[in-house]
Amino acid sequence: MTTENAVRCLAGTLVLIGLGLGLLVNPWFFIIVGFVGLNLIQSSFTKFCPAEMIFCKMGLPRTIQAK
């Protein structure tokens, strides 16, 4: 798994959790969904993603190396 895949997995998981909590517990949990969306948009323009930096420090490769 690369950092790009891990970021996508994390974003999708947080969106689903935020939607579920927003529907079942309290609408304020929809803020999680908004935060994830805004972070994805800003990272596409600035190339700065805190989650990617954390995954790199955990040892995940940025790309899959060709054989």
PDB file of N, CA and C in Angstrom:
ATOM      1  N   MET A   1       0.852  -1.178   0.000  1.00  0.00           N
ATOM      2  CA  MET A   1       0.000   0.000   0.000  1.00  0.00           C
ATOM      3  C   MET A   1       0.895   1.237   0.000  1.00  0.00           C
ATOM      4  N   THR A   2       0.545   2.185  -0.844  1.00  0.00           N
ATOM      5  CA  THR A   2       1.301   3.430  -0.916  1.00  0.00           C
ATOM      6  C   THR A   2       0.617   4.499  -0.067  1.00  0.00           C
ATOM      7  N   THR A   3       1.304   5.622   0.112  1.00  0.00           N
ATOM      8  CA  THR A   3       0.714   6.711   0.900  1.00  0.00           C
ATOM      9  C   THR A   3      -0.543   7.245   0.223  1.00  0.00           C
ATOM     10  N   GLU A   4      -0.562   7.269  -1.112  1.00  0.00           N
ATOM     11  CA  GLU A   4      -1.747   7.756  -1.831  1.00  0.00           C
ATOM     12  C   GLU A   4      -2.957   6.866  -1.530  1.00  0.00           C
ATOM     13  N   ASN A   5      -2.747   5.562  -1.571  1.00  0.00           N
ATOM     14  CA  ASN A   5      -3.841   4.633  -1.262  1.00  0.00           C
ATOM     15  C   ASN A   5      -4.273   4.763   0.196  1.00  0.00           C
ATOM     16  N   ALA A   6      -3.322   4.934   1.086  1.00  0.00           N
ATOM     17  CA  ALA A   6      -3.644   5.057   2.505  1.00  0.00           C
ATOM     18  C   ALA A   6      -4.440   6.325   2.791  1.00  0.00           C
ATOM     19  N   VAL A   7      -4.086   7.423   2.129  1.00  0.00           N
ATOM     20  CA  VAL A   7      -4.829   8.679   2.312  1.00  0.00           C
ATOM     21  C   VAL A   7      -6.254   8.521   1.802  1.00  0.00           C
ATOM     22  N   ARG A   8      -6.417   7.889   0.658  1.00  0.00           N
ATOM     23  CA  ARG A   8      -7.768   7.659   0.124  1.00  0.00           C
ATOM     24  C   ARG A   8      -8.585   6.776   1.063  1.00  0.00           C
ATOM     25  N   CYS A   9      -7.968   5.746   1.592  1.00  0.00           N
ATOM     26  CA  CYS A   9      -8.657   4.846   2.524  1.00  0.00           C
ATOM     27  C   CYS A   9      -9.051   5.592   3.794  1.00  0.00           C
ATOM     28  N   LEU A  10      -8.153   6.394   4.329  1.00  0.00           N
ATOM     29  CA  LEU A  10      -8.447   7.173   5.527  1.00  0.00           C
ATOM     30  C   LEU A  10      -9.574   8.165   5.273  1.00  0.00           C
ATOM     31  N   ALA A  11      -9.517   8.877   4.150  1.00  0.00           N
ATOM     32  CA  ALA A  11     -10.553   9.854   3.824  1.00  0.00           C
ATOM     33  C   ALA A  11     -11.916   9.179   3.669  1.00  0.00           C
ATOM     34  N   GLY A  12     -11.948   8.072   2.965  1.00  0.00           N
ATOM     35  CA  GLY A  12     -13.218   7.348   2.790  1.00  0.00           C
ATOM     36  C   GLY A  12     -13.783   6.840   4.101  1.00  0.00           C
ATOM     37  N   THR A  13     -12.914   6.331   4.949  1.00  0.00           N
ATOM     38  CA  THR A  13     -13.347   5.837   6.258  1.00  0.00           C
ATOM     39  C   THR A  13     -13.909   6.970   7.111  1.00  0.00           C
ATOM     40  N   LEU A  14     -13.212   8.106   7.136  1.00  0.00           N
ATOM     41  CA  LEU A  14     -13.686   9.242   7.927  1.00  0.00           C
ATOM     42  C   LEU A  14     -15.005   9.799   7.397  1.00  0.00           C
ATOM     43  N   VAL A  15     -15.176   9.812   6.079  1.00  0.00           N
ATOM     44  CA  VAL A  15     -16.442  10.278   5.503  1.00  0.00           C
ATOM     45  C   VAL A  15     -17.582   9.352   5.907  1.00  0.00           C
ATOM     46  N   LEU A  16     -17.371   8.055   5.814  1.00  0.00           N
ATOM     47  CA  LEU A  16     -18.426   7.110   6.198  1.00  0.00           C
ATOM     48  C   LEU A  16     -18.745   7.185   7.683  1.00  0.00           C
ATOM     49  N   ILE A  17     -17.728   7.321   8.516  1.00  0.00           N
ATOM     50  CA  ILE A  17     -17.959   7.458   9.959  1.00  0.00           C
ATOM     51  C   ILE A  17     -18.716   8.754  10.251  1.00  0.00           C
ATOM     52  N   GLY A  18     -18.297   9.847   9.610  1.00  0.00           N
ATOM     53  CA  GLY A  18     -18.975  11.125   9.817  1.00  0.00           C
ATOM     54  C   GLY A  18     -20.421  11.092   9.367  1.00  0.00           C
ATOM     55  N   LEU A  19     -20.683  10.452   8.228  1.00  0.00           N
ATOM     56  CA  LEU A  19     -22.063  10.330   7.757  1.00  0.00           C
ATOM     57  C   LEU A  19     -22.909   9.496   8.715  1.00  0.00           C
ATOM     58  N   GLY A  20     -22.350   8.375   9.129  1.00  0.00           N
ATOM     59  CA  GLY A  20     -23.092   7.512  10.055  1.00  0.00           C
ATOM     60  C   GLY A  20     -23.395   8.197  11.368  1.00  0.00           C
ATOM     61  N   LEU A  21     -22.394   8.824  11.947  1.00  0.00           N
ATOM     62  CA  LEU A  21     -22.607   9.531  13.210  1.00  0.00           C
ATOM     63  C   LEU A  21     -23.545  10.718  13.037  1.00  0.00           C
ATOM     64  N   GLY A  22     -23.443  11.406  11.903  1.00  0.00           N
ATOM     65  CA  GLY A  22     -24.321  12.539  11.647  1.00  0.00           C
ATOM     66  C   GLY A  22     -25.769  12.130  11.511  1.00  0.00           C
ATOM     67  N   LEU A  23     -26.013  10.989  10.896  1.00  0.00           N
ATOM     68  CA  LEU A  23     -27.380  10.511  10.729  1.00  0.00           C
ATOM     69  C   LEU A  23     -27.945   9.876  11.993  1.00  0.00           C
ATOM     70  N   LEU A  24     -27.112   9.161  12.730  1.00  0.00           N
ATOM     71  CA  LEU A  24     -27.607   8.375  13.859  1.00  0.00           C
ATOM     72  C   LEU A  24     -27.457   9.048  15.219  1.00  0.00           C
ATOM     73  N   VAL A  25     -26.481   9.936  15.373  1.00  0.00           N
ATOM     74  CA  VAL A  25     -26.199  10.499  16.692  1.00  0.00           C
ATOM     75  C   VAL A  25     -26.548  11.982  16.749  1.00  0.00           C
ATOM     76  N   ASN A  26     -25.821  12.785  15.963  1.00  0.00           N
ATOM     77  CA  ASN A  26     -25.994  14.228  16.046  1.00  0.00           C
ATOM     78  C   ASN A  26     -25.526  14.849  14.728  1.00  0.00           C
ATOM     79  N   PRO A  27     -26.317  15.747  14.141  1.00  0.00           N
ATOM     80  CA  PRO A  27     -25.922  16.364  12.867  1.00  0.00           C
ATOM     81  C   PRO A  27     -24.593  17.124  12.922  1.00  0.00           C
ATOM     82  N   TRP A  28     -24.119  17.494  14.087  1.00  0.00           N
ATOM     83  CA  TRP A  28     -22.832  18.183  14.191  1.00  0.00           C
ATOM     84  C   TRP A  28     -21.683  17.316  13.701  1.00  0.00           C
ATOM     85  N   PHE A  29     -21.865  16.003  13.658  1.00  0.00           N
ATOM     86  CA  PHE A  29     -20.807  15.117  13.158  1.00  0.00           C
ATOM     87  C   PHE A  29     -20.581  15.272  11.654  1.00  0.00           C
ATOM     88  N   PHE A  30     -21.507  15.941  10.950  1.00  0.00           N
ATOM     89  CA  PHE A  30     -21.280  16.210   9.534  1.00  0.00           C
ATOM     90  C   PHE A  30     -20.095  17.149   9.331  1.00  0.00           C
ATOM     91  N   ILE A  31     -19.657  17.802  10.375  1.00  0.00           N
ATOM     92  CA  ILE A  31     -18.458  18.650  10.297  1.00  0.00           C
ATOM     93  C   ILE A  31     -17.249  17.814   9.890  1.00  0.00           C
ATOM     94  N   ILE A  32     -17.203  16.555  10.332  1.00  0.00           N
ATOM     95  CA  ILE A  32     -16.100  15.659   9.954  1.00  0.00           C
ATOM     96  C   ILE A  32     -16.049  15.519   8.434  1.00  0.00           C
ATOM     97  N   VAL A  33     -17.208  15.319   7.823  1.00  0.00           N
ATOM     98  CA  VAL A  33     -17.280  15.152   6.372  1.00  0.00           C
ATOM     99  C   VAL A  33     -16.789  16.424   5.679  1.00  0.00           C
ATOM    100  N   GLY A  34     -17.219  17.570   6.164  1.00  0.00           N
ATOM    101  CA  GLY A  34     -16.781  18.838   5.590  1.00  0.00           C
ATOM    102  C   GLY A  34     -15.289  19.052   5.736  1.00  0.00           C
ATOM    103  N   PHE A  35     -14.747  18.710   6.886  1.00  0.00           N
ATOM    104  CA  PHE A  35     -13.311  18.864   7.122  1.00  0.00           C
ATOM    105  C   PHE A  35     -12.510  17.981   6.171  1.00  0.00           C
ATOM    106  N   VAL A  36     -12.937  16.744   6.002  1.00  0.00           N
ATOM    107  CA  VAL A  36     -12.221  15.835   5.107  1.00  0.00           C
ATOM    108  C   VAL A  36     -12.265  16.370   3.676  1.00  0.00           C
ATOM    109  N   GLY A  37     -13.434  16.826   3.243  1.00  0.00           N
ATOM    110  CA  GLY A  37     -13.561  17.374   1.893  1.00  0.00           C
ATOM    111  C   GLY A  37     -12.681  18.591   1.676  1.00  0.00           C
ATOM    112  N   LEU A  38     -12.688  19.516   2.635  1.00  0.00           N
ATOM    113  CA  LEU A  38     -11.852  20.709   2.514  1.00  0.00           C
ATOM    114  C   LEU A  38     -10.369  20.347   2.502  1.00  0.00           C
ATOM    115  N   ASN A  39      -9.980  19.379   3.318  1.00  0.00           N
ATOM    116  CA  ASN A  39      -8.578  18.967   3.358  1.00  0.00           C
ATOM    117  C   ASN A  39      -8.156  18.347   2.028  1.00  0.00           C
ATOM    118  N   LEU A  40      -9.030  17.546   1.416  1.00  0.00           N
ATOM    119  CA  LEU A  40      -8.702  16.963   0.123  1.00  0.00           C
ATOM    120  C   LEU A  40      -8.552  18.043  -0.946  1.00  0.00           C
ATOM    121  N   ILE A  41      -9.422  19.047  -0.924  1.00  0.00           N
ATOM    122  CA  ILE A  41      -9.339  20.132  -1.902  1.00  0.00           C
ATOM    123  C   ILE A  41      -8.057  20.940  -1.708  1.00  0.00           C
ATOM    124  N   GLN A  42      -7.764  21.340  -0.462  1.00  0.00           N
ATOM    125  CA  GLN A  42      -6.558  22.150  -0.245  1.00  0.00           C
ATOM    126  C   GLN A  42      -5.301  21.366  -0.565  1.00  0.00           C
ATOM    127  N   SER A  43      -5.288  20.069  -0.287  1.00  0.00           N
ATOM    128  CA  SER A  43      -4.075  19.291  -0.578  1.00  0.00           C
ATOM    129  C   SER A  43      -3.865  19.123  -2.076  1.00  0.00           C
ATOM    130  N   SER A  44      -4.944  19.153  -2.860  1.00  0.00           N
ATOM    131  CA  SER A  44      -4.775  19.047  -4.316  1.00  0.00           C
ATOM    132  C   SER A  44      -4.124  20.300  -4.886  1.00  0.00           C
ATOM    133  N   PHE A  45      -4.343  21.454  -4.248  1.00  0.00           N
ATOM    134  CA  PHE A  45      -3.743  22.702  -4.730  1.00  0.00           C
ATOM    135  C   PHE A  45      -2.366  22.961  -4.126  1.00  0.00           C
ATOM    136  N   THR A  46      -2.197  22.651  -2.847  1.00  0.00           N
ATOM    137  CA  THR A  46      -0.956  23.003  -2.157  1.00  0.00           C
ATOM    138  C   THR A  46       0.055  21.867  -2.100  1.00  0.00           C
ATOM    139  N   LYS A  47      -0.376  20.657  -2.399  1.00  0.00           N
ATOM    140  CA  LYS A  47       0.477  19.456  -2.293  1.00  0.00           C
ATOM    141  C   LYS A  47       0.945  19.215  -0.853  1.00  0.00           C
ATOM    142  N   PHE A  48       0.218  19.753   0.121  1.00  0.00           N
ATOM    143  CA  PHE A  48       0.527  19.551   1.543  1.00  0.00           C
ATOM    144  C   PHE A  48      -0.596  18.739   2.169  1.00  0.00           C
ATOM    145  N   CYS A  49      -0.264  17.548   2.647  1.00  0.00           N
ATOM    146  CA  CYS A  49      -1.254  16.669   3.262  1.00  0.00           C
ATOM    147  C   CYS A  49      -0.651  16.089   4.543  1.00  0.00           C
ATOM    148  N   PRO A  50      -1.163  16.517   5.701  1.00  0.00           N
ATOM    149  CA  PRO A  50      -0.630  16.001   6.964  1.00  0.00           C
ATOM    150  C   PRO A  50      -0.733  14.478   7.078  1.00  0.00           C
ATOM    151  N   ALA A  51      -1.832  13.909   6.578  1.00  0.00           N
ATOM    152  CA  ALA A  51      -1.989  12.451   6.668  1.00  0.00           C
ATOM    153  C   ALA A  51      -0.899  11.746   5.867  1.00  0.00           C
ATOM    154  N   GLU A  52      -0.561  12.277   4.699  1.00  0.00           N
ATOM    155  CA  GLU A  52       0.496  11.663   3.887  1.00  0.00           C
ATOM    156  C   GLU A  52       1.841  11.726   4.601  1.00  0.00           C
ATOM    157  N   MET A  53       2.108  12.843   5.275  1.00  0.00           N
ATOM    158  CA  MET A  53       3.359  12.968   6.020  1.00  0.00           C
ATOM    159  C   MET A  53       3.430  11.927   7.137  1.00  0.00           C
ATOM    160  N   ILE A  54       2.308  11.700   7.812  1.00  0.00           N
ATOM    161  CA  ILE A  54       2.268  10.707   8.892  1.00  0.00           C
ATOM    162  C   ILE A  54       2.491   9.310   8.332  1.00  0.00           C
ATOM    163  N   PHE A  55       1.840   9.000   7.201  1.00  0.00           N
ATOM    164  CA  PHE A  55       2.014   7.680   6.605  1.00  0.00           C
ATOM    165  C   PHE A  55       3.457   7.468   6.132  1.00  0.00           C
ATOM    166  N   CYS A  56       4.100   8.523   5.642  1.00  0.00           N
ATOM    167  CA  CYS A  56       5.514   8.409   5.239  1.00  0.00           C
ATOM    168  C   CYS A  56       6.387   8.099   6.449  1.00  0.00           C
ATOM    169  N   LYS A  57       6.116   8.769   7.562  1.00  0.00           N
ATOM    170  CA  LYS A  57       6.893   8.513   8.777  1.00  0.00           C
ATOM    171  C   LYS A  57       6.644   7.109   9.324  1.00  0.00           C
ATOM    172  N   MET A  58       5.473   6.541   8.998  1.00  0.00           N
ATOM    173  CA  MET A  58       5.174   5.170   9.414  1.00  0.00           C
ATOM    174  C   MET A  58       5.864   4.145   8.521  1.00  0.00           C
ATOM    175  N   GLY A  59       6.467   4.616   7.425  1.00  0.00           N
ATOM    176  CA  GLY A  59       7.233   3.714   6.572  1.00  0.00           C
ATOM    177  C   GLY A  59       6.551   3.299   5.288  1.00  0.00           C
ATOM    178  N   LEU A  60       5.398   3.868   4.966  1.00  0.00           N
ATOM    179  CA  LEU A  60       4.744   3.512   3.710  1.00  0.00           C
ATOM    180  C   LEU A  60       5.469   4.188   2.554  1.00  0.00           C
ATOM    181  N   PRO A  61       5.628   3.467   1.447  1.00  0.00           N
ATOM    182  CA  PRO A  61       6.296   4.086   0.291  1.00  0.00           C
ATOM    183  C   PRO A  61       5.366   5.079  -0.407  1.00  0.00           C
ATOM    184  N   ARG A  62       5.950   6.126  -0.996  1.00  0.00           N
ATOM    185  CA  ARG A  62       5.141   7.108  -1.732  1.00  0.00           C
ATOM    186  C   ARG A  62       4.569   6.513  -3.004  1.00  0.00           C
ATOM    187  N   THR A  63       5.354   5.724  -3.711  1.00  0.00           N
ATOM    188  CA  THR A  63       4.892   5.081  -4.955  1.00  0.00           C
ATOM    189  C   THR A  63       5.384   3.648  -4.966  1.00  0.00           C
ATOM    190  N   ILE A  64       4.772   2.875  -5.833  1.00  0.00           N
ATOM    191  CA  ILE A  64       5.219   1.497  -6.022  1.00  0.00           C
ATOM    192  C   ILE A  64       6.379   1.531  -7.017  1.00  0.00           C
ATOM    193  N   GLN A  65       7.482   0.916  -6.624  1.00  0.00           N
ATOM    194  CA  GLN A  65       8.667   0.924  -7.474  1.00  0.00           C
ATOM    195  C   GLN A  65       8.519  -0.109  -8.582  1.00  0.00           C
ATOM    196  N   ALA A  66       8.907   0.261  -9.797  1.00  0.00           N
ATOM    197  CA  ALA A  66       8.840  -0.649 -10.929  1.00  0.00           C
ATOM    198  C   ALA A  66       9.869  -1.761 -10.759  1.00  0.00           C
ATOM    199  N   LYS A  67       9.508  -2.936 -11.247  1.00  0.00           N
ATOM    200  CA  LYS A  67      10.411  -4.086 -11.129  1.00  0.00           C
ATOM    201  C   LYS A  67      11.298  -4.206 -12.322  1.00  0.00           C
TER     202      LYS A  67
END
